[in-house]
C-alpha atoms as a PDB file:
ATOM      1  CA  MET A   1     -28.415  -4.255  12.725  1.00  0.00           C
ATOM      2  CA  SER A   2     -25.044  -3.399  11.184  1.00  0.00           C
ATOM      3  CA  THR A   3     -21.752  -4.629  12.596  1.00  0.00           C
ATOM      4  CA  ARG A   4     -19.762  -1.994  10.698  1.00  0.00           C
ATOM      5  CA  SER A   5     -17.716   0.435  12.730  1.00  0.00           C
ATOM      6  CA  PRO A   6     -17.882   4.192  12.046  1.00  0.00           C
ATOM      7  CA  GLU A   7     -14.387   3.914  10.542  1.00  0.00           C
ATOM      8  CA  ASP A   8     -15.734   1.572   7.828  1.00  0.00           C
ATOM      9  CA  SER A   9     -17.611   4.457   6.211  1.00  0.00           C
ATOM     10  CA  ASP A  10     -14.316   6.376   5.920  1.00  0.00           C
ATOM     11  CA  ARG A  11     -12.550   3.544   4.094  1.00  0.00           C
ATOM     12  CA  ARG A  12     -12.057   3.892   0.354  1.00  0.00           C
ATOM     13  CA  TYR A  13     -10.646   1.684  -2.373  1.00  0.00           C
ATOM     14  CA  GLY A  14      -7.409   2.562  -4.070  1.00  0.00           C
ATOM     15  CA  PHE A  15      -3.981   1.397  -5.133  1.00  0.00           C
ATOM     16  CA  VAL A  16      -0.377   1.539  -3.956  1.00  0.00           C
ATOM     17  CA  GLY A  17       2.575   1.171  -6.314  1.00  0.00           C
ATOM     18  CA  ILE A  18       5.910   0.261  -4.740  1.00  0.00           C
ATOM     19  CA  ILE A  19       9.162   0.352  -6.709  1.00  0.00           C
ATOM     20  CA  ILE A  20      12.131  -1.297  -5.005  1.00  0.00           C
ATOM     21  CA  THR A  21      15.746  -0.943  -6.116  1.00  0.00           C
ATOM     22  CA  ASP A  22      17.316  -2.623  -3.079  1.00  0.00           C
ATOM     23  CA  ARG A  23      15.245  -5.753  -2.517  1.00  0.00           C
ATOM     24  CA  ALA A  24      18.096  -7.669  -0.890  1.00  0.00           C
ATOM     25  CA  ARG A  25      18.294  -5.109   1.902  1.00  0.00           C
ATOM     26  CA  GLN A  26      14.680  -3.963   2.133  1.00  0.00           C
ATOM     27  CA  GLY A  27      12.564  -6.972   1.124  1.00  0.00           C
ATOM     28  CA  ALA A  28      12.078  -8.366   4.621  1.00  0.00           C
ATOM     29  CA  ARG A  29      11.217  -4.942   6.072  1.00  0.00           C
ATOM     30  CA  ILE A  30       8.738  -4.245   3.256  1.00  0.00           C
ATOM     31  CA  ASN A  31       6.969  -7.553   3.871  1.00  0.00           C
ATOM     32  CA  GLN A  32       6.908  -6.845   7.612  1.00  0.00           C
ATOM     33  CA  ILE A  33       5.215  -3.474   7.019  1.00  0.00           C
ATOM     34  CA  LEU A  34       2.727  -4.999   4.577  1.00  0.00           C
ATOM     35  CA  SER A  35       1.892  -7.719   7.112  1.00  0.00           C
ATOM     36  CA  THR A  36       1.166  -5.050   9.719  1.00  0.00           C
ATOM     37  CA  TYR A  37      -1.351  -3.471   7.337  1.00  0.00           C
ATOM     38  CA  ALA A  38      -2.766  -6.731   5.941  1.00  0.00           C
ATOM     39  CA  ASP A  39      -6.287  -5.734   7.009  1.00  0.00           C
ATOM     40  CA  CYS A  40      -6.143  -2.936   4.399  1.00  0.00           C
ATOM     41  CA  ILE A  41      -4.785  -5.022   1.515  1.00  0.00           C
ATOM     42  CA  VAL A  42      -7.378  -6.551  -0.818  1.00  0.00           C
ATOM     43  CA  GLY A  43      -4.965  -7.737  -3.521  1.00  0.00           C
ATOM     44  CA  ARG A  44      -1.235  -7.889  -4.211  1.00  0.00           C
ATOM     45  CA  LEU A  45       0.803  -8.411  -7.363  1.00  0.00           C
ATOM     46  CA  GLY A  46       4.574  -8.611  -7.165  1.00  0.00           C
ATOM     47  CA  LEU A  47       7.218  -8.720  -9.888  1.00  0.00           C
ATOM     48  CA  PRO A  48      10.327  -9.474  -7.837  1.00  0.00           C
ATOM     49  CA  ASP A  49      13.110  -9.885 -10.361  1.00  0.00           C
ATOM     50  CA  LEU A  50      13.034  -7.308 -13.142  1.00  0.00           C
ATOM     51  CA  GLU A  51      16.142  -6.013 -14.939  1.00  0.00           C
ATOM     52  CA  GLY A  52      18.277  -8.885 -13.723  1.00  0.00           C
ATOM     53  CA  GLY A  53      17.260  -8.375 -10.102  1.00  0.00           C
ATOM     54  CA  ALA A  54      17.940  -4.629 -10.018  1.00  0.00           C
ATOM     55  CA  LEU A  55      14.249  -3.729  -9.822  1.00  0.00           C
ATOM     56  CA  SER A  56      11.129  -5.082  -8.139  1.00  0.00           C
ATOM     57  CA  ILE A  57       7.589  -3.750  -8.367  1.00  0.00           C
ATOM     58  CA  VAL A  58       4.679  -4.468  -6.035  1.00  0.00           C
ATOM     59  CA  THR A  59       1.148  -3.267  -6.727  1.00  0.00           C
ATOM     60  CA  LEU A  60      -1.500  -3.345  -4.005  1.00  0.00           C
ATOM     61  CA  ILE A  61      -5.249  -2.894  -4.136  1.00  0.00           C
ATOM     62  CA  VAL A  62      -6.299  -1.419  -0.808  1.00  0.00           C
ATOM     63  CA  HIS A  63      -9.442  -0.622   1.176  1.00  0.00           C
ATOM     64  CA  ALA A  64      -8.363   1.814   3.866  1.00  0.00           C
ATOM     65  CA  THR A  65      -8.871   5.172   5.498  1.00  0.00           C
ATOM     66  CA  THR A  66      -6.619   7.985   4.325  1.00  0.00           C
ATOM     67  CA  ASP A  67      -4.886   7.985   7.717  1.00  0.00           C
ATOM     68  CA  ARG A  68      -4.183   4.244   7.667  1.00  0.00           C
ATOM     69  CA  LEU A  69      -2.996   4.355   4.053  1.00  0.00           C
ATOM     70  CA  GLY A  70      -0.780   7.349   4.810  1.00  0.00           C
ATOM     71  CA  ALA A  71       0.790   5.541   7.755  1.00  0.00           C
ATOM     72  CA  MET A  72       1.598   2.487   5.629  1.00  0.00           C
ATOM     73  CA  THR A  73       2.938   4.408   2.630  1.00  0.00           C
ATOM     74  CA  GLY A  74       4.940   6.719   4.891  1.00  0.00           C
ATOM     75  CA  LYS A  75       6.744   3.778   6.489  1.00  0.00           C
ATOM     76  CA  LEU A  76       7.407   2.180   3.113  1.00  0.00           C
ATOM     77  CA  GLY A  77       8.578   5.409   1.478  1.00  0.00           C
ATOM     78  CA  ALA A  78      11.022   6.107   4.310  1.00  0.00           C
ATOM     79  CA  LEU A  79      13.035   3.005   3.397  1.00  0.00           C
ATOM     80  CA  PRO A  80      16.139   3.624   1.252  1.00  0.00           C
ATOM     81  CA  GLY A  81      15.704   2.243  -2.261  1.00  0.00           C
ATOM     82  CA  VAL A  82      11.889   2.270  -2.035  1.00  0.00           C
ATOM     83  CA  SER A  83       9.559   4.623  -3.920  1.00  0.00           C
ATOM     84  CA  VAL A  84       5.805   4.657  -3.232  1.00  0.00           C
ATOM     85  CA  LYS A  85       2.815   6.228  -4.999  1.00  0.00           C
ATOM     86  CA  SER A  86      -0.823   5.780  -4.059  1.00  0.00           C
ATOM     87  CA  GLY A  87      -4.314   6.883  -4.941  1.00  0.00           C
ATOM     88  CA  LEU A  88      -7.754   6.502  -3.404  1.00  0.00           C
ATOM     89  CA  HIS A  89     -11.152   6.587  -5.071  1.00  0.00           C
ATOM     90  CA  ARG A  90     -13.232   9.665  -4.259  1.00  0.00           C
ATOM     91  CA  LEU A  91     -16.777   8.688  -3.437  1.00  0.00           C
ATOM     92  CA  ARG A  92     -19.594  10.462  -5.260  1.00  0.00           C
ATOM     93  CA  GLY A  93     -20.731  13.546  -3.439  1.00  0.00           C
ATOM     94  CA  THR A  94     -17.333  14.046  -1.773  1.00  0.00           C
ATOM     95  CA  GLU A  95     -15.562  15.886  -4.595  1.00  0.00           C
ATOM     96  CA  GLU A  96     -14.061  19.181  -3.500  1.00  0.00           C
END
């Protein structure tokens, strides 16, 4: 007997790239958002101090539904000084 919820079958693997140009102001809020969505995050790589502190980049590997990923990236992308791009793997047989 499976303990997976119906939502589990809608989850896909993907990535999120976050570029931050105002880490001093937005860093705490970014981490707060990522903590809220920790159940979706499989891996995280952060480069916090590029270009003398003017640029930070965070890359996430995620396992999420499109709705959950969209909610997270929408909140992140709404922050000033934060740019977000993401992609999810299309499962075989689901190509349009």
